[in-house]
Structure formats: C-alpha cells, structure tokens
Protein backbone atom coordinates (compact mmCIF):
# COMPACT_ATOMS: atom_id res chain seq x y z
CA UNK A 1 0.00 0.00 0.00
CA UNK A 2 1.40 3.40 -1.00
CA UNK A 3 0.41 6.81 0.32
CA UNK A 4 -0.24 9.31 -2.47
CA UNK A 5 -0.90 13.03 -2.21
CA UNK A 6 -3.34 14.39 -4.76
CA UNK A 7 -3.23 18.14 -5.30
CA UNK A 8 -6.51 19.17 -6.86
CA UNK A 9 -6.49 22.34 -8.91
CA UNK A 10 -9.17 24.97 -8.72
CA UNK A 11 -11.66 23.65 -6.19
CA UNK A 12 -13.35 25.91 -3.64
CA UNK A 13 -11.73 29.02 -5.14
CA UNK A 14 -13.89 32.14 -5.34
CA UNK A 15 -17.07 30.08 -5.17
CA UNK A 16 -16.14 27.84 -8.13
CA UNK A 17 -16.00 24.04 -8.19
CA UNK A 18 -17.27 23.81 -4.64
CA UNK A 19 -16.62 20.45 -2.97
CA UNK A 20 -16.91 19.89 0.77
CA UNK A 21 -13.95 17.95 2.09
CA UNK A 22 -16.20 15.50 3.97
CA UNK A 23 -17.99 14.69 0.70
CA UNK A 24 -14.66 14.33 -1.12
CA UNK A 25 -13.36 12.01 1.59
CA UNK A 26 -16.48 9.84 1.45
CA UNK A 27 -16.37 9.72 -2.35
CA UNK A 28 -12.73 8.57 -2.33
CA UNK A 29 -13.39 5.92 0.30
CA UNK A 30 -16.33 4.67 -1.77
CA UNK A 31 -14.05 3.96 -4.74
CA UNK A 32 -11.61 1.97 -2.62
CA UNK A 33 -9.01 4.40 -1.32
CA UNK A 34 -7.95 3.90 2.29
CA UNK A 35 -6.75 6.23 5.04
CA UNK A 36 -8.18 9.28 3.19
CA UNK A 37 -7.14 12.57 4.80
CA UNK A 38 -7.63 16.12 3.59
CA UNK A 39 -5.83 19.36 4.38
CA UNK A 40 -7.53 22.73 4.01
CA UNK A 41 -10.47 23.33 1.69
CA UNK A 42 -8.30 23.86 -1.38
CA UNK A 43 -7.93 20.26 -2.49
CA UNK A 44 -5.04 18.53 -0.77
CA UNK A 45 -5.92 14.90 -0.16
CA UNK A 46 -3.89 11.89 0.96
CA UNK A 47 -4.99 8.41 -0.06
CA UNK A 48 -3.52 4.95 0.40
CA UNK A 49 -3.77 2.67 -2.61
CA UNK A 50 -2.14 -0.25 -4.40
CA UNK A 51 -2.46 1.72 -7.66
CA UNK A 52 0.35 3.81 -9.15
CA UNK A 53 0.26 7.63 -9.07
CA UNK A 54 -1.07 8.01 -12.63
CA UNK A 55 -3.97 5.63 -11.98
CA UNK A 56 -4.78 7.34 -8.65
CA UNK A 57 -4.92 10.74 -10.37
CA UNK A 58 -7.11 9.40 -13.15
CA UNK A 59 -9.50 7.72 -10.70
CA UNK A 60 -9.83 10.87 -8.58
CA UNK A 61 -10.38 13.15 -11.58
CA UNK A 62 -12.92 10.76 -13.10
CA UNK A 63 -14.87 10.29 -9.87
CA UNK A 64 -15.00 14.03 -9.10
CA UNK A 65 -16.50 14.63 -12.53
CA UNK A 66 -18.97 11.77 -12.09
CA UNK A 67 -20.10 12.77 -8.57
CA UNK A 68 -19.73 16.57 -8.55
CA UNK A 69 -19.71 17.45 -12.26
CA UNK A 70 -16.44 19.39 -12.01
CA UNK A 71 -13.51 18.99 -14.39
CA UNK A 72 -10.66 19.09 -11.84
CA UNK A 73 -7.05 18.24 -12.66
CA UNK A 74 -5.33 16.10 -10.01
CA UNK A 75 -1.55 16.20 -9.72
CA UNK A 76 -0.43 13.19 -7.67
CA UNK A 77 2.92 13.50 -5.95
CA UNK A 78 5.01 11.51 -3.52
CA UNK A 79 6.62 12.43 -0.23
CA UNK A 80 9.93 12.80 -2.06
CA UNK A 81 8.45 15.60 -4.21
CA UNK A 82 7.70 17.58 -1.06
CA UNK A 83 11.11 16.85 0.44
CA UNK A 84 12.79 18.11 -2.72
CA UNK A 85 10.89 21.39 -2.35
CA UNK A 86 13.18 22.09 0.60
CA UNK A 87 16.37 20.40 -0.59
CA UNK A 88 16.42 21.91 -4.10
CA UNK A 89 14.70 25.27 -3.62
CA UNK A 90 17.51 27.81 -4.04
CA UNK A 91 15.36 30.63 -2.65
CA UNK A 92 15.36 28.96 0.77
CA UNK A 93 19.13 29.41 0.89
CA UNK A 94 18.87 33.19 0.56
CA UNK A 95 19.54 35.29 3.63
CA UNK A 96 16.45 36.94 5.18
CA UNK A 97 14.05 35.31 2.71
CA UNK A 98 10.37 36.05 3.29
CA UNK A 99 8.89 32.55 3.04
CA UNK A 100 5.39 34.04 2.62
CA UNK A 101 6.45 34.97 -0.90
CA UNK A 102 7.65 31.49 -1.89
CA UNK A 103 5.40 29.24 -3.95
CA UNK A 104 5.76 25.93 -5.73
CA UNK A 105 3.95 24.96 -8.91
CA UNK A 106 3.60 21.20 -9.25
CA UNK A 107 3.18 20.07 -12.85
CA UNK A 108 2.00 16.77 -14.23
CA UNK A 109 5.18 16.07 -16.24
CA UNK A 110 8.91 16.48 -15.75
CA UNK A 111 10.29 19.67 -17.27
CA UNK A 112 13.75 20.40 -18.61
CA UNK A 113 15.69 23.15 -16.87
CA UNK A 114 15.80 24.94 -20.24
CA UNK A 115 11.99 25.29 -20.09
CA UNK A 116 12.56 28.29 -17.83
CA UNK A 117 13.43 30.29 -20.97
CA UNK A 118 9.92 29.63 -22.32
CA UNK A 119 8.46 31.46 -19.34
CA UNK A 120 10.29 34.69 -20.24
CA UNK A 121 10.79 35.44 -16.55
CA UNK A 122 12.60 38.71 -17.23
CA UNK A 123 9.28 40.38 -18.09
CA UNK A 124 8.08 39.65 -14.55
CA UNK A 125 11.04 41.11 -12.67
CA UNK A 126 11.52 41.37 -9.76
CA UNK A 127 9.59 38.06 -9.47
CA UNK A 128 11.82 35.02 -10.01
CA UNK A 129 11.36 31.34 -10.88
CA UNK A 130 13.45 28.19 -11.31
CA UNK A 131 12.55 24.75 -12.62
CA UNK A 132 13.37 21.47 -10.90
CA UNK A 133 11.89 18.40 -12.65
CA UNK A 134 8.10 18.56 -12.02
CA UNK A 135 8.33 21.58 -9.71
CA UNK A 136 8.65 25.29 -10.43
CA UNK A 137 9.88 27.36 -7.50
CA UNK A 138 8.65 30.95 -7.51
CA UNK A 139 9.78 33.88 -5.42
CA UNK A 140 7.38 36.79 -5.66
CA UNK A 141 8.69 40.27 -4.92
CA UNK A 142 5.38 41.51 -3.51
CA UNK A 143 3.09 38.48 -3.39
CA UNK A 144 1.11 36.01 -5.46
CA UNK A 145 -1.91 38.29 -5.65
CA UNK A 146 0.01 41.14 -7.26
CA UNK A 147 1.77 39.54 -10.20
CA UNK A 148 1.16 38.45 -13.77
CA UNK A 149 3.39 35.40 -13.22
CA UNK A 150 0.45 33.19 -12.35
CA UNK A 151 -0.54 29.58 -12.89
CA UNK A 152 -2.61 30.15 -16.04
CA UNK A 153 0.31 31.90 -17.71
CA UNK A 154 2.75 29.13 -16.69
CA UNK A 155 0.42 26.40 -17.94
CA UNK A 156 -0.07 28.12 -21.28
CA UNK A 157 3.60 28.90 -21.88
CA UNK A 158 4.85 25.43 -20.90
CA UNK A 159 1.81 23.53 -22.20
CA UNK A 160 1.35 21.72 -18.88
CA UNK A 161 -1.29 21.15 -16.23
CA UNK A 162 -0.25 22.33 -12.81
CA UNK A 163 -1.33 23.49 -9.40
CA UNK A 164 0.30 25.99 -7.06
CA UNK A 165 0.87 25.84 -3.30
CA UNK A 166 2.58 28.26 -0.95
CA UNK A 167 5.56 27.10 1.07
CA UNK A 168 3.57 27.02 4.31
CA UNK A 169 1.10 24.55 2.78
CA UNK A 170 3.95 22.42 1.41
CA UNK A 171 5.53 22.38 4.88
CA UNK A 172 2.28 21.21 6.47
CA UNK A 173 1.66 18.59 3.78
CA UNK A 174 5.11 17.12 4.37
CA UNK A 175 4.39 16.96 8.11
CA UNK A 176 1.13 15.14 7.35
CA UNK A 177 2.99 12.64 5.16
CA UNK A 178 5.16 11.83 8.15
CA UNK A 179 2.21 11.23 10.52
C-alpha cells in the first residue's frame, strides 16, 4: 500500500468548483481508497492505494467529474516531491528570505531546466522562478496576488497542467505525510 498526495487544482476558489472535504473524503473511500485525509479546503488529499500515481490521479479526476460534475485536474505527488521542495529550492538558501512569498507549482510532467526560458521570466522582474523536474519554484517580490506570473500563464507557456501551493502549505503537507 502506497500513500499518495493528490493536489486538486481549482476547487473551492472564489465560489467555483465547490466540494466539501467531507464529501470528497467519502467519495474517495467509496471507490476503494484507504486512510483518506484532507488538508484545508483547497484540495489537498492523501490516499492509500495499491495503484500507481497516474492511476490514482485518473481515478480521482474521473470520480469528481462523475459525482460533482467538475472537471478538476489532479496532480499526484510523492513524499519525495515535497522533500525536494526544501532540498532543491535555491530561494530557501537566501539570507532573510520572506517565506510568505515562496510558492511551488507542481506540474504533471517532468520539465527540462531549459523550459525556464519559455516562461520569459525577465518580463516579470523582480519576481523570479526556477525549474526542478516537475516543480517550479517561484519567489514573488510583492506576493502572489500582485503579479502576472500566475498559474494560467505558466500552464499556457509550458503547455502543462499544474497546481500551485505556498511554502507554508507544502511544509504542512510534508508533516502530514510523516504522521
């Protein structure tokens, strides 16, 4: 049995794709997942399954559409993906970094480091970003709510599906993985 973390994109945001976490938990248990746990209302859910990550993501996405009628991408990651957010995130090594301005975009496929050029980051200065496999680390100068370097732009430029979490959420999800 493997523990998977599914990061659901775009649920319970500004009144769209509303799904109560209790209903999501029940739905996932009904299709055979075990030890289902959620974190926050924004679609972070742990499940135990014999299935691989791709199958887990497909099952979750399919069942959400069937039960709730929402088309919701599910990026399924492992504990190691969260650990690498701390080991490989160069912004965490900066002196006096404001961790409230650090975000991670998790994408469904591995990216090449050269893909950073496709984002044309220089037009978003002083915001910064780096790519590490299936993660994009972002350091916002002011904050996520005051930038054009947002998820929709990243998805379009890199032709990927992704979901974004702040560093505090990633920290708490890693702690939950270890429970």
